[in-house]
């Protein structure tokens, strides 16, 4: 009896995602929600994620690619658009040092990314999906850009994180 060979690929050590939003666009996103908001400063910071690219079978033997990032600290997996990497050897003067607080390792991140995409595909395709996604690329550390803005509104100070890829934002503290 022949055993099925499990397909493996080389894991890239690290890569830097290109920043889609510049500082002004990040500030404009927040001002669009609250025009009275004052921006006092912005810093581009790169945070470490694990990255995975999967091939997902569709109908009639066709397949598509799906991408996921997993936050090492929170363990949360996100489906993303395809990645655009910065030039090879890009300098990261503002990368966030790993404080050793990571709640998960790379293998756990891989499992969470695959589970997230499997669930998403099952919901989309219903009973027609075969459920055989295959990892085709992975990056142990993907440096994802985020803007950290110091802002104030009506005399109260806030720190807001704006995603440098898609403009999503959340308040870190006040």
C-alpha atoms as a PDB file:
ATOM      1  CA  UNK A   1       0.000   0.000   0.000  1.00  0.00           C
ATOM      2  CA  UNK A   2       1.397   3.338  -1.025  1.00  0.00           C
ATOM      3  CA  UNK A   3       1.234   6.253   1.400  1.00  0.00           C
ATOM      4  CA  UNK A   4       0.141   9.623   0.171  1.00  0.00           C
ATOM      5  CA  UNK A   5       3.092  12.020   0.249  1.00  0.00           C
ATOM      6  CA  UNK A   6       2.310  15.225   2.111  1.00  0.00           C
ATOM      7  CA  UNK A   7       3.285  18.242   0.019  1.00  0.00           C
ATOM      8  CA  UNK A   8       5.595  20.671   1.818  1.00  0.00           C
ATOM      9  CA  UNK A   9       7.143  23.948   0.842  1.00  0.00           C
ATOM     10  CA  UNK A  10       9.945  26.028   2.280  1.00  0.00           C
ATOM     11  CA  UNK A  11       8.867  28.528   4.917  1.00  0.00           C
ATOM     12  CA  UNK A  12      10.191  32.019   4.272  1.00  0.00           C
ATOM     13  CA  UNK A  13      11.730  33.545   7.400  1.00  0.00           C
ATOM     14  CA  UNK A  14      10.359  37.079   7.117  1.00  0.00           C
ATOM     15  CA  UNK A  15       8.869  39.665   4.785  1.00  0.00           C
ATOM     16  CA  UNK A  16       7.645  43.245   5.043  1.00  0.00           C
ATOM     17  CA  UNK A  17       4.210  44.206   3.693  1.00  0.00           C
ATOM     18  CA  UNK A  18       4.053  47.441   1.708  1.00  0.00           C
ATOM     19  CA  UNK A  19       2.134  50.210   3.432  1.00  0.00           C
ATOM     20  CA  UNK A  20      -1.023  51.084   1.470  1.00  0.00           C
ATOM     21  CA  UNK A  21      -2.156  54.106   3.520  1.00  0.00           C
ATOM     22  CA  UNK A  22       0.199  56.986   4.177  1.00  0.00           C
ATOM     23  CA  UNK A  23       0.163  59.115   7.333  1.00  0.00           C
ATOM     24  CA  UNK A  24      -2.215  61.702   5.846  1.00  0.00           C
ATOM     25  CA  UNK A  25      -4.722  59.060   4.716  1.00  0.00           C
ATOM     26  CA  UNK A  26      -4.687  57.454   8.175  1.00  0.00           C
ATOM     27  CA  UNK A  27      -5.423  60.849   9.769  1.00  0.00           C
ATOM     28  CA  UNK A  28      -8.121  61.638   7.184  1.00  0.00           C
ATOM     29  CA  UNK A  29      -9.925  58.384   7.999  1.00  0.00           C
ATOM     30  CA  UNK A  30     -10.254  59.411  11.620  1.00  0.00           C
ATOM     31  CA  UNK A  31     -11.208  63.004  10.793  1.00  0.00           C
ATOM     32  CA  UNK A  32     -13.955  61.714   8.475  1.00  0.00           C
ATOM     33  CA  UNK A  33     -15.569  60.096  11.532  1.00  0.00           C
ATOM     34  CA  UNK A  34     -15.006  63.083  13.810  1.00  0.00           C
ATOM     35  CA  UNK A  35     -14.000  66.393  12.160  1.00  0.00           C
ATOM     36  CA  UNK A  36     -13.145  68.015  15.525  1.00  0.00           C
ATOM     37  CA  UNK A  37     -10.425  65.433  16.164  1.00  0.00           C
ATOM     38  CA  UNK A  38      -6.920  66.901  16.490  1.00  0.00           C
ATOM     39  CA  UNK A  39      -3.941  64.838  15.346  1.00  0.00           C
ATOM     40  CA  UNK A  40      -0.810  65.412  17.449  1.00  0.00           C
ATOM     41  CA  UNK A  41       1.479  62.834  15.932  1.00  0.00           C
ATOM     42  CA  UNK A  42       1.682  59.642  13.926  1.00  0.00           C
ATOM     43  CA  UNK A  43       4.253  56.860  13.822  1.00  0.00           C
ATOM     44  CA  UNK A  44       4.421  53.949  11.430  1.00  0.00           C
ATOM     45  CA  UNK A  45       4.981  50.708  13.346  1.00  0.00           C
ATOM     46  CA  UNK A  46       5.379  47.200  11.947  1.00  0.00           C
ATOM     47  CA  UNK A  47       3.903  44.340  13.962  1.00  0.00           C
ATOM     48  CA  UNK A  48       4.831  40.641  13.625  1.00  0.00           C
ATOM     49  CA  UNK A  49       2.266  38.191  12.206  1.00  0.00           C
ATOM     50  CA  UNK A  50       2.506  34.710  10.721  1.00  0.00           C
ATOM     51  CA  UNK A  51       1.441  34.616   7.061  1.00  0.00           C
ATOM     52  CA  UNK A  52      -0.113  31.825   5.002  1.00  0.00           C
ATOM     53  CA  UNK A  53      -1.219  31.465   1.392  1.00  0.00           C
ATOM     54  CA  UNK A  54      -3.564  28.614   0.496  1.00  0.00           C
ATOM     55  CA  UNK A  55      -4.854  27.101  -2.721  1.00  0.00           C
ATOM     56  CA  UNK A  56      -8.572  26.432  -2.496  1.00  0.00           C
ATOM     57  CA  UNK A  57     -10.281  24.100  -4.985  1.00  0.00           C
ATOM     58  CA  UNK A  58     -13.395  25.363  -6.714  1.00  0.00           C
ATOM     59  CA  UNK A  59     -15.732  23.870  -9.257  1.00  0.00           C
ATOM     60  CA  UNK A  60     -14.551  22.010 -12.373  1.00  0.00           C
ATOM     61  CA  UNK A  61     -10.986  21.568 -11.141  1.00  0.00           C
ATOM     62  CA  UNK A  62     -10.303  25.278 -10.834  1.00  0.00           C
ATOM     63  CA  UNK A  63      -8.676  26.767  -7.766  1.00  0.00           C
ATOM     64  CA  UNK A  64      -8.166  30.168  -6.166  1.00  0.00           C
ATOM     65  CA  UNK A  65      -5.651  31.602  -3.731  1.00  0.00           C
ATOM     66  CA  UNK A  66      -6.568  32.831  -0.271  1.00  0.00           C
ATOM     67  CA  UNK A  67      -4.357  34.660   2.218  1.00  0.00           C
ATOM     68  CA  UNK A  68      -4.386  34.812   6.001  1.00  0.00           C
ATOM     69  CA  UNK A  69      -2.387  36.589   8.686  1.00  0.00           C
ATOM     70  CA  UNK A  70      -2.316  35.429  12.295  1.00  0.00           C
ATOM     71  CA  UNK A  71      -1.432  37.821  15.114  1.00  0.00           C
ATOM     72  CA  UNK A  72       1.185  36.111  17.286  1.00  0.00           C
ATOM     73  CA  UNK A  73       0.108  38.058  20.350  1.00  0.00           C
ATOM     74  CA  UNK A  74      -3.673  37.639  20.263  1.00  0.00           C
ATOM     75  CA  UNK A  75      -3.771  34.424  18.240  1.00  0.00           C
ATOM     76  CA  UNK A  76      -6.482  35.882  16.006  1.00  0.00           C
ATOM     77  CA  UNK A  77      -6.494  34.919  12.317  1.00  0.00           C
ATOM     78  CA  UNK A  78      -7.578  37.328   9.554  1.00  0.00           C
ATOM     79  CA  UNK A  79      -8.387  36.720   5.895  1.00  0.00           C
ATOM     80  CA  UNK A  80      -6.516  39.321   3.830  1.00  0.00           C
ATOM     81  CA  UNK A  81      -6.157  40.512   0.267  1.00  0.00           C
ATOM     82  CA  UNK A  82      -3.135  39.222  -1.641  1.00  0.00           C
ATOM     83  CA  UNK A  83       0.115  40.525  -0.245  1.00  0.00           C
ATOM     84  CA  UNK A  84       2.332  43.220  -1.701  1.00  0.00           C
ATOM     85  CA  UNK A  85       5.776  42.967  -0.204  1.00  0.00           C
ATOM     86  CA  UNK A  86       8.163  45.873   0.198  1.00  0.00           C
ATOM     87  CA  UNK A  87      11.474  45.679  -1.646  1.00  0.00           C
ATOM     88  CA  UNK A  88      13.792  42.893  -0.521  1.00  0.00           C
ATOM     89  CA  UNK A  89      15.920  44.054   2.399  1.00  0.00           C
ATOM     90  CA  UNK A  90      13.495  46.801   3.447  1.00  0.00           C
ATOM     91  CA  UNK A  91      14.619  48.458   6.662  1.00  0.00           C
ATOM     92  CA  UNK A  92      12.257  48.345   9.621  1.00  0.00           C
ATOM     93  CA  UNK A  93      13.323  51.194  11.895  1.00  0.00           C
ATOM     94  CA  UNK A  94       9.968  51.070  13.719  1.00  0.00           C
ATOM     95  CA  UNK A  95       9.292  47.373  14.078  1.00  0.00           C
ATOM     96  CA  UNK A  96       7.777  46.258  17.331  1.00  0.00           C
ATOM     97  CA  UNK A  97      10.244  44.091  19.232  1.00  0.00           C
ATOM     98  CA  UNK A  98       8.916  40.715  20.279  1.00  0.00           C
ATOM     99  CA  UNK A  99       8.463  41.029  24.053  1.00  0.00           C
ATOM    100  CA  UNK A 100       8.012  37.263  24.432  1.00  0.00           C
ATOM    101  CA  UNK A 101       4.305  37.671  25.143  1.00  0.00           C
ATOM    102  CA  UNK A 102       3.194  35.670  22.136  1.00  0.00           C
ATOM    103  CA  UNK A 103       0.257  33.485  23.011  1.00  0.00           C
ATOM    104  CA  UNK A 104       0.847  31.107  20.073  1.00  0.00           C
ATOM    105  CA  UNK A 105       3.646  29.627  17.992  1.00  0.00           C
ATOM    106  CA  UNK A 106       3.978  29.219  14.239  1.00  0.00           C
ATOM    107  CA  UNK A 107       2.367  25.761  14.032  1.00  0.00           C
ATOM    108  CA  UNK A 108      -0.647  26.901  16.053  1.00  0.00           C
ATOM    109  CA  UNK A 109      -0.902  29.961  13.784  1.00  0.00           C
ATOM    110  CA  UNK A 110      -0.863  27.638  10.749  1.00  0.00           C
ATOM    111  CA  UNK A 111      -3.749  25.605  12.196  1.00  0.00           C
ATOM    112  CA  UNK A 112      -5.797  28.719  12.956  1.00  0.00           C
ATOM    113  CA  UNK A 113      -5.286  30.157   9.463  1.00  0.00           C
ATOM    114  CA  UNK A 114      -6.302  26.890   7.827  1.00  0.00           C
ATOM    115  CA  UNK A 115      -9.355  26.525  10.090  1.00  0.00           C
ATOM    116  CA  UNK A 116     -10.471  30.093   9.373  1.00  0.00           C
ATOM    117  CA  UNK A 117     -10.233  29.645   5.608  1.00  0.00           C
ATOM    118  CA  UNK A 118     -11.885  26.216   5.720  1.00  0.00           C
ATOM    119  CA  UNK A 119     -14.825  27.658   7.651  1.00  0.00           C
ATOM    120  CA  UNK A 120     -15.098  30.642   5.297  1.00  0.00           C
ATOM    121  CA  UNK A 121     -15.096  28.380   2.237  1.00  0.00           C
ATOM    122  CA  UNK A 122     -17.640  26.001   3.723  1.00  0.00           C
ATOM    123  CA  UNK A 123     -20.008  28.915   4.370  1.00  0.00           C
ATOM    124  CA  UNK A 124     -19.544  30.290   0.864  1.00  0.00           C
ATOM    125  CA  UNK A 125     -19.750  27.072  -1.154  1.00  0.00           C
ATOM    126  CA  UNK A 126     -22.090  25.114   1.108  1.00  0.00           C
ATOM    127  CA  UNK A 127     -22.283  21.429   0.181  1.00  0.00           C
ATOM    128  CA  UNK A 128     -20.407  21.765  -3.119  1.00  0.00           C
ATOM    129  CA  UNK A 129     -17.043  22.421  -1.482  1.00  0.00           C
ATOM    130  CA  UNK A 130     -14.695  19.453  -1.040  1.00  0.00           C
ATOM    131  CA  UNK A 131     -12.762  20.959   1.857  1.00  0.00           C
ATOM    132  CA  UNK A 132      -9.230  20.261   0.649  1.00  0.00           C
ATOM    133  CA  UNK A 133      -7.295  23.487   1.022  1.00  0.00           C
ATOM    134  CA  UNK A 134      -3.540  23.272   0.493  1.00  0.00           C
ATOM    135  CA  UNK A 135      -0.903  25.599   1.896  1.00  0.00           C
ATOM    136  CA  UNK A 136       1.344  26.866  -0.895  1.00  0.00           C
ATOM    137  CA  UNK A 137       3.382  29.594   0.825  1.00  0.00           C
ATOM    138  CA  UNK A 138       4.072  30.682   4.354  1.00  0.00           C
ATOM    139  CA  UNK A 139       6.127  33.336   6.078  1.00  0.00           C
ATOM    140  CA  UNK A 140       7.206  32.878   9.686  1.00  0.00           C
ATOM    141  CA  UNK A 141       7.220  36.649  10.366  1.00  0.00           C
ATOM    142  CA  UNK A 142       5.217  39.046   8.223  1.00  0.00           C
ATOM    143  CA  UNK A 143       5.820  42.632   9.319  1.00  0.00           C
ATOM    144  CA  UNK A 144       2.421  44.310   8.958  1.00  0.00           C
ATOM    145  CA  UNK A 145       2.300  48.154   8.887  1.00  0.00           C
ATOM    146  CA  UNK A 146       0.081  50.074  11.291  1.00  0.00           C
ATOM    147  CA  UNK A 147      -0.130  53.776  12.063  1.00  0.00           C
ATOM    148  CA  UNK A 148      -0.118  54.738  15.727  1.00  0.00           C
ATOM    149  CA  UNK A 149      -1.774  58.159  16.082  1.00  0.00           C
ATOM    150  CA  UNK A 150      -1.869  60.384  19.141  1.00  0.00           C
ATOM    151  CA  UNK A 151      -5.103  62.373  18.956  1.00  0.00           C
ATOM    152  CA  UNK A 152      -7.348  64.482  21.150  1.00  0.00           C
ATOM    153  CA  UNK A 153     -11.001  65.385  21.187  1.00  0.00           C
ATOM    154  CA  UNK A 154     -12.527  67.978  23.500  1.00  0.00           C
ATOM    155  CA  UNK A 155      -9.396  68.100  25.636  1.00  0.00           C
ATOM    156  CA  UNK A 156      -9.122  64.331  26.107  1.00  0.00           C
ATOM    157  CA  UNK A 157      -6.113  62.409  24.700  1.00  0.00           C
ATOM    158  CA  UNK A 158      -6.403  59.100  22.829  1.00  0.00           C
ATOM    159  CA  UNK A 159      -4.062  56.695  21.073  1.00  0.00           C
ATOM    160  CA  UNK A 160      -5.499  55.077  17.936  1.00  0.00           C
ATOM    161  CA  UNK A 161      -4.090  52.245  15.813  1.00  0.00           C
ATOM    162  CA  UNK A 162      -4.930  52.524  12.098  1.00  0.00           C
ATOM    163  CA  UNK A 163      -4.278  49.476   9.918  1.00  0.00           C
ATOM    164  CA  UNK A 164      -1.768  50.486   7.238  1.00  0.00           C
ATOM    165  CA  UNK A 165      -3.309  48.066   4.743  1.00  0.00           C
ATOM    166  CA  UNK A 166      -7.071  48.548   4.942  1.00  0.00           C
ATOM    167  CA  UNK A 167      -7.727  51.572   7.178  1.00  0.00           C
ATOM    168  CA  UNK A 168      -9.449  49.678   9.964  1.00  0.00           C
ATOM    169  CA  UNK A 169      -8.869  51.328  13.310  1.00  0.00           C
ATOM    170  CA  UNK A 170      -9.348  50.907  17.031  1.00  0.00           C
ATOM    171  CA  UNK A 171      -8.618  52.877  20.160  1.00  0.00           C
ATOM    172  CA  UNK A 172      -5.747  51.550  22.253  1.00  0.00           C
ATOM    173  CA  UNK A 173      -6.134  53.811  25.277  1.00  0.00           C
ATOM    174  CA  UNK A 174      -7.445  57.126  26.477  1.00  0.00           C
END
